């Protein structure tokens, strides 16, 4: 029996099931066999939010036909079980829809119908069958590509009553982008709460967002993208106030045309709107920052565990961003930590002001998922900072200052900086490091003079304050495209003085990782011979010293990277496990 059931693990082998295998499987109880068939069909269709984007790959109904053709018993059982036909994926063949829909809708108690349309070439007149009352009342979910032809049909369908529709998902099909070159002209579906009273999941891309406030009262998931929401700010607040059941909200490039936005300092238009169940909030938009701040200023988000705010900075060039009095702070309301409780759980921060990336991430070290993600994305403008300008210049300082403002200090133990350190002076770095007294792990990547960080960490005398006494791990790593930190005797002398001074005060590293550029391998050998043994004496755990050979072009031979200096301490692994670091 076990060997017979293995055929179900690979759809390609279903057609090879022999008479003996089928007979053995047929001895199973009917209910169990139906569940197996249900599992098989589900496994043929892995979940994809944007379904079959390029309309390629084997079609699941082909495999399903193989299953039904194995033997008469299987065919009769499958064809006579409505729940096995409720998840209908339609490509170009209208006959498949005509076959599945009647089988699925014969017994509404067996389950409601989920329709997935993959191909805009499907003959739409064949969909008129959906207007039949029996089928309209059985529809639970509709997924289709946002294309003008499809939109016209579904606008008509959704103007009728679909009493059991809970999910509507319009995804951007490959052909959609050429059809909707201007998001200001995107059509809407004229959705209303009267026609879809049970709708709780709404995902629309390249379609005009709905404006009926009543529609939003039952929604659990709302995702709108690539469209123009032409509503006044007060109407937007009315909609958000109606979303008391909302758990996930994504607004991607839909807020640019909201009108009558309050001016800075104007105050709240109404009391704070609390969304008690919202756990994920994602907002991206070009142009102004004012919309972000004003929307979030009116929201209470006690349950949010994922917050992503991104500005598609098409109109913000590097110098313009550098002149802003605040960057990341502009994306959040004042006193954001009191409004968004999950910020207090952040213990790991990653700040990147490098090349085309200007972002701030916050998470816990036990999870790869970011609680907080704030970013300015210039990729849409096809701008790339030249190699000789690896930072965001003045904005690097502003971003570091905003990091200190936004992230509660009590819990933070890991900081990762990926910046041009020449853009930061000693005062900038000292304020950031001093703000987080529980810092245990520090990761530095980028370019410039990284030695100034060690100078800040060095107590000047026995009476002087020692910053970050619990610091246990420091990583200095290579940059990208030849950028990085260069080794020198001056750097190692500063490093040794810092480690010696901290050791004298009882603070000792457990992990030191160095990945530095050298002009030649001889230079690396010289520095390694002069300093490695001394470093190992000052670090209780592991010391890693990697050599990156500087050259105009990458050699590609894999020999320019070497790891030296593993500690002789047998307890290295145990010590490493105790270090609070984010790998």
Protein backbone atom coordinates (compact mmCIF):
# COMPACT_ATOMS: atom_id res chain seq x y z
CA UNK A 1 0.00 0.00 0.00
CA UNK A 2 2.79 2.42 0.91
CA UNK A 3 4.56 1.87 -2.41
CA UNK A 4 1.28 2.36 -4.27
CA UNK A 5 0.60 5.68 -2.56
CA UNK A 6 4.06 6.98 -3.52
CA UNK A 7 2.69 7.52 -7.03
CA UNK A 8 0.70 10.43 -5.63
CA UNK A 9 3.88 12.23 -4.56
CA UNK A 10 4.88 12.89 -8.17
CA UNK A 11 2.16 14.08 -10.58
CA UNK A 12 4.19 12.79 -13.53
CA UNK A 13 3.95 9.22 -12.23
CA UNK A 14 0.18 9.21 -11.74
CA UNK A 15 -0.39 7.97 -15.25
CA UNK A 16 1.86 4.95 -14.58
CA UNK A 17 -0.27 3.56 -11.75
CA UNK A 18 -0.97 -0.08 -12.57
CA UNK A 19 -4.00 -2.27 -11.93
CA UNK A 20 -2.51 -3.82 -8.78
CA UNK A 21 -1.59 -0.42 -7.36
CA UNK A 22 -5.05 0.97 -8.04
CA UNK A 23 -6.69 -2.10 -6.50
CA UNK A 24 -4.62 -1.72 -3.34
CA UNK A 25 -5.47 1.97 -3.05
CA UNK A 26 -9.15 1.25 -3.66
CA UNK A 27 -9.31 -0.74 -0.44
CA UNK A 28 -9.06 2.54 1.47
CA UNK A 29 -12.27 4.00 2.92
CA UNK A 30 -14.01 6.26 0.41
CA UNK A 31 -13.71 9.35 2.65
CA UNK A 32 -9.95 8.85 2.98
CA UNK A 33 -9.48 8.32 -0.74
CA UNK A 34 -11.41 11.52 -1.46
CA UNK A 35 -9.10 13.40 0.94
CA UNK A 36 -6.08 11.94 -0.90
CA UNK A 37 -7.46 13.11 -4.23
CA UNK A 38 -8.10 16.53 -2.73
CA UNK A 39 -4.50 16.68 -1.51
CA UNK A 40 -3.19 15.58 -4.91
CA UNK A 41 -5.06 18.30 -6.77
CA UNK A 42 -3.99 20.96 -4.27
CA UNK A 43 -0.35 19.93 -4.69
CA UNK A 44 -0.64 20.38 -8.46
CA UNK A 45 -1.36 24.07 -7.97
CA UNK A 46 1.23 25.68 -5.68
CA UNK A 47 -0.03 28.99 -4.38
CA UNK A 48 1.13 31.99 -6.38
CA UNK A 49 -0.24 35.45 -5.74
CA UNK A 50 0.40 36.46 -9.35
CA UNK A 51 -0.74 33.27 -10.99
CA UNK A 52 1.20 31.90 -13.96
CA UNK A 53 2.55 35.34 -14.84
CA UNK A 54 4.04 34.21 -18.15
CA UNK A 55 1.29 31.66 -18.90
CA UNK A 56 3.71 28.77 -19.21
CA UNK A 57 4.26 25.42 -17.54
CA UNK A 58 2.06 22.31 -17.43
CA UNK A 59 -1.60 22.91 -16.74
CA UNK A 60 -2.99 21.19 -13.61
CA UNK A 61 -6.09 19.91 -15.38
CA UNK A 62 -3.84 17.70 -17.53
CA UNK A 63 -2.68 15.87 -14.40
CA UNK A 64 -6.26 15.73 -13.10
CA UNK A 65 -7.34 14.00 -16.32
CA UNK A 66 -4.59 11.43 -15.78
CA UNK A 67 -5.96 10.73 -12.31
CA UNK A 68 -9.53 10.29 -13.53
CA UNK A 69 -8.43 8.00 -16.37
CA UNK A 70 -6.62 5.53 -14.10
CA UNK A 71 -9.71 3.39 -13.51
CA UNK A 72 -13.52 3.59 -13.67
CA UNK A 73 -13.85 3.70 -9.87
CA UNK A 74 -11.54 6.70 -9.59
CA UNK A 75 -13.33 8.52 -12.37
CA UNK A 76 -16.78 7.95 -10.89
CA UNK A 77 -15.58 8.90 -7.41
CA UNK A 78 -13.85 12.09 -8.54
CA UNK A 79 -16.59 13.22 -10.91
CA UNK A 80 -19.23 12.60 -8.26
CA UNK A 81 -17.48 14.54 -5.48
CA UNK A 82 -18.27 18.28 -5.85
CA UNK A 83 -15.58 19.51 -3.45
CA UNK A 84 -12.88 18.13 -5.76
CA UNK A 85 -14.02 20.56 -8.48
CA UNK A 86 -14.36 23.72 -6.41
CA UNK A 87 -10.86 25.08 -7.11
CA UNK A 88 -11.05 25.84 -10.85
CA UNK A 89 -8.04 27.13 -12.80
CA UNK A 90 -9.03 28.31 -16.27
CA UNK A 91 -6.60 28.92 -19.11
CA UNK A 92 -7.70 29.10 -22.76
CA UNK A 93 -10.20 26.22 -22.85
CA UNK A 94 -13.82 27.20 -22.12
CA UNK A 95 -14.77 23.51 -22.07
CA UNK A 96 -12.80 23.11 -18.83
CA UNK A 97 -14.87 25.79 -17.11
CA UNK A 98 -18.10 24.27 -18.44
CA UNK A 99 -17.00 20.88 -17.13
CA UNK A 100 -15.88 21.95 -13.66
CA UNK A 101 -18.48 24.54 -12.75
CA UNK A 102 -21.57 22.28 -12.91
CA UNK A 103 -19.76 19.54 -10.98
CA UNK A 104 -18.70 21.98 -8.27
CA UNK A 105 -22.01 23.81 -7.92
CA UNK A 106 -24.39 20.85 -7.76
CA UNK A 107 -24.16 20.67 -3.96
CA UNK A 108 -23.47 24.08 -2.35
CA UNK A 109 -22.97 22.36 1.01
CA UNK A 110 -19.90 20.59 -0.41
CA UNK A 111 -18.03 23.87 -0.77
CA UNK A 112 -18.00 27.15 -2.67
CA UNK A 113 -16.25 27.75 -5.99
CA UNK A 114 -12.86 29.42 -6.37
CA UNK A 115 -12.20 30.66 -9.92
CA UNK A 116 -8.71 31.50 -11.17
CA UNK A 117 -8.39 32.95 -14.68
CA UNK A 118 -4.87 32.83 -16.05
CA UNK A 119 -5.08 33.90 -19.67
CA UNK A 120 -6.63 37.12 -21.07
CA UNK A 121 -7.18 35.31 -24.38
CA UNK A 122 -10.03 33.32 -22.87
CA UNK A 123 -13.27 33.91 -24.86
CA UNK A 124 -15.18 36.15 -22.49
CA UNK A 125 -18.62 35.39 -23.89
CA UNK A 126 -18.18 31.93 -22.40
CA UNK A 127 -18.22 33.55 -18.96
CA UNK A 128 -21.85 34.52 -19.28
CA UNK A 129 -22.55 31.21 -17.55
CA UNK A 130 -21.50 32.92 -14.32
CA UNK A 131 -24.62 35.10 -14.42
CA UNK A 132 -26.72 31.99 -13.84
CA UNK A 133 -28.09 32.33 -10.32
CA UNK A 134 -26.92 28.85 -9.26
CA UNK A 135 -23.33 29.65 -10.20
CA UNK A 136 -23.36 33.27 -9.03
CA UNK A 137 -24.41 32.22 -5.53
CA UNK A 138 -21.70 29.53 -5.40
CA UNK A 139 -18.78 31.88 -6.14
CA UNK A 140 -16.44 32.31 -3.16
CA UNK A 141 -13.27 33.61 -4.82
CA UNK A 142 -12.39 35.21 -8.17
CA UNK A 143 -8.84 35.82 -9.37
CA UNK A 144 -8.16 37.41 -12.75
CA UNK A 145 -5.57 39.46 -14.62
CA UNK A 146 -6.17 43.20 -14.66
CA UNK A 147 -6.76 43.82 -18.36
CA UNK A 148 -9.25 46.26 -19.94
CA UNK A 149 -11.27 43.48 -21.58
CA UNK A 150 -11.53 41.48 -18.37
CA UNK A 151 -12.31 44.59 -16.35
CA UNK A 152 -15.31 45.38 -18.53
CA UNK A 153 -16.75 41.92 -17.96
CA UNK A 154 -16.11 41.74 -14.22
CA UNK A 155 -17.48 45.24 -13.70
CA UNK A 156 -20.75 43.90 -15.11
CA UNK A 157 -20.58 40.69 -13.06
CA UNK A 158 -19.85 42.52 -9.83
CA UNK A 159 -22.83 44.80 -10.37
CA UNK A 160 -24.98 41.74 -9.69
CA UNK A 161 -25.37 40.17 -6.27
CA UNK A 162 -22.68 37.64 -5.31
CA UNK A 163 -23.80 36.73 -1.78
CA UNK A 164 -20.95 34.32 -0.97
CA UNK A 165 -18.02 36.11 -2.60
CA UNK A 166 -15.28 36.54 0.02
CA UNK A 167 -12.14 37.09 -2.13
CA UNK A 168 -11.54 39.26 -5.18
CA UNK A 169 -8.01 39.39 -6.58
CA UNK A 170 -7.06 41.32 -9.72
CA UNK A 171 -3.37 40.76 -10.40
CA UNK A 172 -1.19 42.46 -13.06
CA UNK A 173 -0.97 40.07 -15.98
CA UNK A 174 2.01 40.37 -18.33
CA UNK A 175 -0.15 42.15 -20.91
CA UNK A 176 -1.62 44.56 -18.37
CA UNK A 177 1.26 46.99 -18.25
CA UNK A 178 1.08 47.85 -21.94
CA UNK A 179 -2.68 48.31 -21.61
CA UNK A 180 -2.47 50.60 -18.56
CA UNK A 181 0.46 52.90 -19.23
CA UNK A 182 -1.12 55.68 -17.19
CA UNK A 183 -2.41 54.75 -13.75
CA UNK A 184 -4.51 57.92 -13.79
CA UNK A 185 -6.78 56.30 -16.39
CA UNK A 186 -7.26 52.95 -14.65
CA UNK A 187 -10.92 51.88 -14.57
CA UNK A 188 -12.71 50.85 -11.40
CA UNK A 189 -15.01 47.90 -10.72
CA UNK A 190 -17.77 49.89 -9.02
CA UNK A 191 -17.74 47.53 -6.05
CA UNK A 192 -20.36 47.96 -3.35
CA UNK A 193 -21.22 46.30 -0.06
CA UNK A 194 -24.72 45.50 -1.34
CA UNK A 195 -23.40 43.35 -4.19
CA UNK A 196 -20.62 41.63 -2.22
CA UNK A 197 -21.80 41.65 1.41
CA UNK A 198 -19.32 38.96 2.60
CA UNK A 199 -16.19 40.25 0.85
CA UNK A 200 -13.25 40.15 3.28
CA UNK A 201 -10.20 39.92 0.97
CA UNK A 202 -9.71 42.56 -1.73
CA UNK A 203 -6.57 42.78 -3.86
CA UNK A 204 -6.65 45.16 -6.81
CA UNK A 205 -3.77 46.10 -9.09
CA UNK A 206 -4.04 48.52 -12.00
CA UNK A 207 -7.70 49.08 -11.16
CA UNK A 208 -9.28 52.12 -9.56
CA UNK A 209 -9.75 51.59 -5.80
CA UNK A 210 -13.33 51.53 -4.57
CA UNK A 211 -14.81 54.59 -2.88
CA UNK A 212 -17.81 53.07 -1.08
CA UNK A 213 -17.07 53.31 2.64
CA UNK A 214 -19.49 50.50 3.55
CA UNK A 215 -17.51 48.01 1.45
CA UNK A 216 -14.53 48.19 3.82
CA UNK A 217 -16.27 47.29 7.07
CA UNK A 218 -15.81 43.51 6.67
CA UNK A 219 -12.39 43.47 5.02
CA UNK A 220 -9.58 41.50 6.65
CA UNK A 221 -7.07 42.04 3.83
CA UNK A 222 -6.88 45.11 1.61
CA UNK A 223 -4.12 45.44 -1.00
CA UNK A 224 -4.27 48.20 -3.60
CA UNK A 225 -1.48 48.94 -6.08
CA UNK A 226 -0.60 50.88 -9.21
CA UNK A 227 -3.71 53.06 -9.36
CA UNK A 228 -4.95 56.52 -8.53
CA UNK A 229 -7.20 56.90 -5.49
CA UNK A 230 -8.81 60.26 -6.22
CA UNK A 231 -10.48 60.99 -2.90
CA UNK A 232 -10.23 63.76 -0.30
CA UNK A 233 -8.14 63.10 2.79
CA UNK A 234 -11.24 63.08 5.01
CA UNK A 235 -12.81 60.35 2.86
CA UNK A 236 -9.64 58.32 3.23
CA UNK A 237 -9.98 58.66 7.00
CA UNK A 238 -13.64 57.59 6.77
CA UNK A 239 -12.55 54.46 4.91
CA UNK A 240 -9.82 53.65 7.42
CA UNK A 241 -12.24 54.20 10.30
CA UNK A 242 -14.54 51.60 8.75
CA UNK A 243 -11.73 49.02 8.58
CA UNK A 244 -12.04 47.81 12.16
CA UNK A 245 -11.56 44.16 11.09
CA UNK A 246 -8.53 44.83 8.89
CA UNK A 247 -5.51 42.57 9.49
CA UNK A 248 -3.33 43.45 6.50
CA UNK A 249 -3.18 46.73 4.58
CA UNK A 250 -1.01 47.40 1.53
CA UNK A 251 -1.19 50.69 -0.36
CA UNK A 252 1.31 50.68 -3.22
CA UNK A 253 1.36 53.87 -5.29
CA UNK A 254 -2.25 54.78 -4.71
CA UNK A 255 -1.99 57.83 -2.41
CA UNK A 256 -0.36 60.35 -4.74
CA UNK A 257 -3.66 61.94 -5.78
CA UNK A 258 -5.31 62.16 -2.36
CA UNK A 259 -6.45 65.76 -1.98
CA UNK A 260 -6.86 68.21 0.90
CA UNK A 261 -4.00 66.75 2.95
CA UNK A 262 -3.46 68.66 6.23
CA UNK A 263 -0.49 70.97 6.35
CA UNK A 264 2.33 70.37 8.84
CA UNK A 265 1.35 71.61 12.28
CA UNK A 266 -2.35 71.70 11.46
CA UNK A 267 -3.14 68.94 13.94
CA UNK A 268 -5.45 65.96 13.70
CA UNK A 269 -8.67 66.19 11.73
CA UNK A 270 -10.36 63.74 14.12
CA UNK A 271 -9.52 61.48 17.09
CA UNK A 272 -6.99 58.72 16.47
CA UNK A 273 -8.44 55.78 14.54
CA UNK A 274 -7.47 52.50 16.20
CA UNK A 275 -7.12 49.43 14.00
CA UNK A 276 -6.95 46.75 16.71
CA UNK A 277 -6.32 43.73 14.45
CA UNK A 278 -3.96 45.21 11.86
CA UNK A 279 -0.67 43.31 11.97
CA UNK A 280 0.86 44.29 8.60
CA UNK A 281 0.99 47.76 7.07
CA UNK A 282 2.83 48.43 3.80
CA UNK A 283 2.74 51.85 2.14
CA UNK A 284 4.76 52.98 -0.88
CA UNK A 285 4.31 56.13 -2.90
CA UNK A 286 6.27 58.61 -5.00
CA UNK A 287 6.56 62.32 -4.41
CA UNK A 288 5.44 63.76 -1.09
CA UNK A 289 6.18 62.53 2.43
CA UNK A 290 3.33 64.55 3.92
CA UNK A 291 0.71 61.94 3.06
CA UNK A 292 2.57 59.23 4.98
CA UNK A 293 2.91 61.27 8.12
CA UNK A 294 -0.63 62.58 8.13
CA UNK A 295 -2.21 59.17 7.50
CA UNK A 296 -0.14 57.47 10.20
CA UNK A 297 -0.70 60.36 12.61
CA UNK A 298 -4.38 59.49 12.58
CA UNK A 299 -3.85 55.76 13.21
CA UNK A 300 -3.38 53.73 16.37
CA UNK A 301 -1.67 50.44 15.53
CA UNK A 302 -1.37 48.39 18.73
CA UNK A 303 -1.07 45.02 16.95
CA UNK A 304 1.23 45.92 14.04
CA UNK A 305 4.24 43.62 13.78
CA UNK A 306 5.29 44.52 10.21
CA UNK A 307 5.55 48.16 9.13
CA UNK A 308 7.03 49.02 5.73
CA UNK A 309 7.06 52.56 4.42
CA UNK A 310 8.87 53.37 1.17
CA UNK A 311 9.18 56.54 -0.85
CA UNK A 312 9.74 55.98 -4.55
CA UNK A 313 11.93 59.04 -4.83
CA UNK A 314 11.51 59.81 -8.50
CA UNK A 315 11.62 63.52 -7.82
CA UNK A 316 14.24 63.51 -5.07
CA UNK A 317 17.80 63.68 -6.31
CA UNK A 318 20.73 63.04 -4.03
CA UNK A 319 21.35 66.68 -3.15
CA UNK A 320 17.66 67.25 -2.48
CA UNK A 321 17.52 64.36 -0.04
CA UNK A 322 20.68 65.59 1.66
CA UNK A 323 19.05 68.94 2.34
CA UNK A 324 16.03 67.47 4.11
CA UNK A 325 15.96 68.25 7.86
CA UNK A 326 14.79 64.68 8.44
CA UNK A 327 14.54 61.56 6.30
CA UNK A 328 13.19 58.41 7.95
CA UNK A 329 11.47 60.53 10.60
CA UNK A 330 9.48 62.18 7.81
CA UNK A 331 7.82 58.84 7.05
CA UNK A 332 6.42 58.34 10.55
CA UNK A 333 4.33 60.48 12.87
CA UNK A 334 5.71 62.04 16.05
CA UNK A 335 5.85 59.73 19.07
CA UNK A 336 5.69 56.72 16.75
CA UNK A 337 7.03 54.38 19.46
CA UNK A 338 3.96 55.02 21.62
CA UNK A 339 1.61 54.43 18.68
CA UNK A 340 3.38 51.34 17.33
CA UNK A 341 4.18 49.10 20.28
CA UNK A 342 6.18 46.55 18.30
CA UNK A 343 8.97 49.11 17.81
CA UNK A 344 9.92 48.50 21.44
CA UNK A 345 10.68 44.84 20.62
CA UNK A 346 13.34 45.71 18.02
CA UNK A 347 16.78 44.54 19.09
CA UNK A 348 18.55 44.61 15.71
CA UNK A 349 18.85 47.62 13.42
CA UNK A 350 20.34 47.76 9.93
CA UNK A 351 21.03 51.19 8.44
CA UNK A 352 22.09 51.43 4.79
CA UNK A 353 23.09 54.67 3.06
CA UNK A 354 25.10 53.26 0.20
CA UNK A 355 24.91 53.24 -3.57
CA UNK A 356 21.24 53.19 -4.58
CA UNK A 357 19.96 52.04 -1.19
CA UNK A 358 18.84 54.34 1.59
CA UNK A 359 16.98 52.22 4.12
CA UNK A 360 16.43 51.56 7.80
CA UNK A 361 15.42 48.09 8.99
CA UNK A 362 14.46 46.93 12.46
CA UNK A 363 13.84 43.35 13.58
CA UNK A 364 14.50 40.85 16.33
CA UNK A 365 17.64 38.76 16.01
CA UNK A 366 15.62 35.54 16.17
CA UNK A 367 13.61 36.44 13.06
CA UNK A 368 14.59 37.37 9.53
CA UNK A 369 11.35 39.30 9.08
CA UNK A 370 11.63 43.04 9.55
CA UNK A 371 9.30 44.70 12.02
CA UNK A 372 10.21 48.10 10.62
CA UNK A 373 11.34 48.95 7.09
CA UNK A 374 11.72 52.55 5.97
CA UNK A 375 13.34 53.31 2.63
CA UNK A 376 13.87 55.81 -0.14
CA UNK A 377 14.07 53.99 -3.46
CA UNK A 378 15.62 55.79 -6.43
CA UNK A 379 15.69 52.78 -8.74
CA UNK A 380 12.58 53.99 -10.57
CA UNK A 381 14.49 57.02 -11.75
CA UNK A 382 17.24 54.83 -13.22
CA UNK A 383 19.79 56.82 -11.25
CA UNK A 384 22.94 55.18 -9.96
CA UNK A 385 25.37 56.92 -7.67
CA UNK A 386 28.80 56.84 -9.32
CA UNK A 387 31.45 54.57 -7.88
CA UNK A 388 33.45 57.52 -6.59
CA UNK A 389 30.40 58.75 -4.63
CA UNK A 390 29.45 55.68 -2.58
CA UNK A 391 27.23 57.42 -0.06
CA UNK A 392 24.27 59.73 0.24
CA UNK A 393 26.56 62.47 1.57
CA UNK A 394 24.72 64.74 4.03
CA UNK A 395 21.72 62.42 4.17
CA UNK A 396 23.94 59.79 5.80
CA UNK A 397 24.19 61.98 8.90
CA UNK A 398 20.48 62.73 8.89
CA UNK A 399 19.59 59.06 8.60
CA UNK A 400 21.80 58.07 11.52
CA UNK A 401 20.23 60.81 13.62
CA UNK A 402 16.77 59.55 12.65
CA UNK A 403 17.75 56.02 13.65
CA UNK A 404 18.45 57.29 17.16
CA UNK A 405 15.12 59.13 17.21
CA UNK A 406 12.92 56.29 15.98
CA UNK A 407 14.23 53.11 17.60
CA UNK A 408 13.69 52.69 21.36
CA UNK A 409 17.08 52.27 23.01
CA UNK A 410 16.32 49.95 25.91
CA UNK A 411 16.17 46.70 23.94
CA UNK A 412 18.60 47.33 21.07
CA UNK A 413 21.66 45.06 21.14
CA UNK A 414 22.71 44.73 17.47
CA UNK A 415 23.56 47.49 15.00
CA UNK A 416 24.58 47.00 11.38
CA UNK A 417 25.88 50.06 9.53
CA UNK A 418 26.45 49.98 5.78
CA UNK A 419 27.60 53.51 5.01
CA UNK A 420 30.38 55.74 3.76
CA UNK A 421 32.08 56.53 7.06
CA UNK A 422 33.72 59.64 5.59
CA UNK A 423 30.24 61.20 5.60
CA UNK A 424 30.03 60.82 9.40
CA UNK A 425 32.10 62.72 11.91
CA UNK A 426 33.07 61.52 15.37
CA UNK A 427 30.15 63.30 16.99
CA UNK A 428 27.58 61.57 14.79
CA UNK A 429 28.94 58.13 15.59
CA UNK A 430 29.43 58.83 19.28
CA UNK A 431 25.82 59.97 19.75
CA UNK A 432 24.53 56.84 18.02
CA UNK A 433 26.72 54.46 20.01
CA UNK A 434 26.10 56.24 23.32
CA UNK A 435 22.33 56.08 22.82
CA UNK A 436 22.29 52.27 22.88
CA UNK A 437 24.05 51.18 26.10
CA UNK A 438 23.06 47.51 25.70
CA UNK A 439 24.86 47.17 22.38
CA UNK A 440 26.38 43.67 22.15
CA UNK A 441 27.07 43.26 18.43
CA UNK A 442 28.32 45.79 15.91
CA UNK A 443 28.62 45.14 12.17
CA UNK A 444 30.33 47.71 9.94
CA UNK A 445 30.27 47.57 6.14
CA UNK A 446 30.98 50.15 3.47
CA UNK A 447 33.95 52.39 2.88
CA UNK A 448 35.89 55.23 4.50
CA UNK A 449 37.71 55.51 7.83
CA UNK A 450 36.23 52.80 10.05
CA UNK A 451 39.00 53.32 12.60
CA UNK A 452 37.14 56.27 14.10
CA UNK A 453 34.57 53.82 15.50
CA UNK A 454 37.33 52.13 17.50
CA UNK A 455 38.53 55.51 18.75
CA UNK A 456 35.05 56.21 20.12
CA UNK A 457 34.99 52.80 21.83
CA UNK A 458 38.35 53.47 23.51
CA UNK A 459 38.19 54.91 27.05
CA UNK A 460 40.77 57.69 27.30
CA UNK A 461 41.75 56.92 30.90
CA UNK A 462 40.71 54.92 33.93
CA UNK A 463 38.13 57.50 34.96
CA UNK A 464 36.64 58.07 31.53
CA UNK A 465 33.31 56.55 30.54
CA UNK A 466 33.53 53.37 28.51
CA UNK A 467 30.80 53.12 25.91
CA UNK A 468 29.00 49.83 25.31
CA UNK A 469 30.61 47.76 28.09
CA UNK A 470 28.67 44.68 26.94
CA UNK A 471 29.99 44.77 23.38
CA UNK A 472 30.95 41.17 22.56
CA UNK A 473 31.12 40.90 18.77
CA UNK A 474 32.44 43.22 16.07
CA UNK A 475 32.39 42.48 12.35
CA UNK A 476 34.10 44.68 9.77
CA UNK A 477 33.24 43.33 6.34
CA UNK A 478 33.87 43.92 2.67
CA UNK A 479 31.77 46.30 0.62
CA UNK A 480 30.51 45.80 -2.93
CA UNK A 481 32.10 46.34 -6.35
CA UNK A 482 35.56 46.83 -4.91
CA UNK A 483 34.48 49.16 -2.10
CA UNK A 484 35.52 48.34 1.42
CA UNK A 485 37.94 49.13 4.20
CA UNK A 486 41.70 49.14 3.65
CA UNK A 487 44.12 47.61 6.10
CA UNK A 488 46.98 49.67 7.45
CA UNK A 489 49.32 49.72 10.43
CA UNK A 490 47.53 52.83 11.65
CA UNK A 491 44.19 50.99 11.69
CA UNK A 492 45.59 48.00 13.58
CA UNK A 493 47.36 50.24 16.10
CA UNK A 494 44.05 52.00 16.83
CA UNK A 495 42.30 48.63 17.10
CA UNK A 496 44.88 47.22 19.52
CA UNK A 497 44.79 50.31 21.74
CA UNK A 498 41.01 50.08 21.92
CA UNK A 499 40.98 46.37 22.79
CA UNK A 500 43.72 46.81 25.40
CA UNK A 501 41.97 49.76 27.05
CA UNK A 502 38.63 47.96 27.13
CA UNK A 503 40.24 44.78 28.48
CA UNK A 504 41.79 46.79 31.30
CA UNK A 505 38.25 47.86 32.22
CA UNK A 506 36.95 44.28 32.13
CA UNK A 507 35.38 44.37 28.65
CA UNK A 508 36.58 41.65 26.29
CA UNK A 509 35.36 40.69 22.84
CA UNK A 510 34.28 37.13 22.10
CA UNK A 511 34.24 37.53 18.33
CA UNK A 512 36.27 39.75 16.01
CA UNK A 513 35.84 39.41 12.24
CA UNK A 514 37.89 41.53 9.86
CA UNK A 515 37.55 41.52 6.07
CA UNK A 516 39.95 44.13 4.74
CA UNK A 517 41.43 45.16 1.42
CA UNK A 518 45.17 44.89 0.81
CA UNK A 519 47.08 46.08 -2.20
CA UNK A 520 49.15 42.93 -2.33
CA UNK A 521 49.21 39.57 -0.65
CA UNK A 522 52.64 40.42 0.73
CA UNK A 523 51.08 43.36 2.55
CA UNK A 524 48.49 41.04 4.04
CA UNK A 525 51.14 38.54 5.12
CA UNK A 526 53.13 41.31 6.81
CA UNK A 527 50.16 42.71 8.74
CA UNK A 528 48.90 39.26 9.63
CA UNK A 529 52.29 38.30 11.03
CA UNK A 530 52.62 41.52 13.00
CA UNK A 531 49.15 41.81 14.52
CA UNK A 532 47.20 38.54 14.43
CA UNK A 533 48.80 36.91 17.48
CA UNK A 534 48.35 40.08 19.52
CA UNK A 535 44.69 40.30 18.54
CA UNK A 536 44.08 36.71 19.58
CA UNK A 537 45.42 37.44 23.05
CA UNK A 538 42.89 40.25 23.47
CA UNK A 539 39.84 38.34 22.23
CA UNK A 540 38.45 35.52 24.35
CA UNK A 541 36.74 33.76 21.46
CA UNK A 542 37.40 33.69 17.74
CA UNK A 543 39.39 36.01 15.52
CA UNK A 544 38.92 35.96 11.75
CA UNK A 545 41.10 38.02 9.45
CA UNK A 546 40.17 37.87 5.76
CA UNK A 547 42.18 39.24 2.89
CA UNK A 548 40.52 40.90 -0.09
CA UNK A 549 43.08 41.71 -2.74
CA UNK A 550 42.47 45.11 -4.28
CA UNK A 551 42.51 45.21 -8.06
CA UNK A 552 40.80 46.98 -10.92
CA UNK A 553 38.96 43.82 -11.88
CA UNK A 554 37.89 40.79 -9.91
CA UNK A 555 40.24 37.92 -10.60
CA UNK A 556 37.43 35.38 -10.38
CA UNK A 557 39.87 32.63 -9.42
CA UNK A 558 38.53 32.36 -5.89
CA UNK A 559 42.05 32.65 -4.45
CA UNK A 560 41.96 36.27 -3.37
CA UNK A 561 39.89 35.48 -0.32
CA UNK A 562 41.62 33.73 2.56
CA UNK A 563 40.62 33.17 6.16
CA UNK A 564 43.32 33.24 8.78
CA UNK A 565 43.62 33.24 12.52
CA UNK A 566 41.26 30.67 14.00
CA UNK A 567 41.61 30.80 17.77
CA UNK A 568 43.32 27.94 19.57
CA UNK A 569 40.72 28.11 22.32
CA UNK A 570 38.74 24.86 22.42
CA UNK A 571 35.74 26.75 23.75
CA UNK A 572 35.37 28.93 20.66
CA UNK A 573 32.07 27.42 19.55
CA UNK A 574 30.59 27.65 23.02
CA UNK A 575 31.69 31.27 23.32
CA UNK A 576 30.29 32.12 19.91
CA UNK A 577 26.89 30.76 20.85
CA UNK A 578 26.76 33.16 23.77
CA UNK A 579 27.37 36.23 21.62
CA UNK A 580 24.30 38.31 20.87
CA UNK A 581 24.83 38.79 17.18
CA UNK A 582 22.68 38.70 14.07
CA UNK A 583 24.20 36.46 11.41
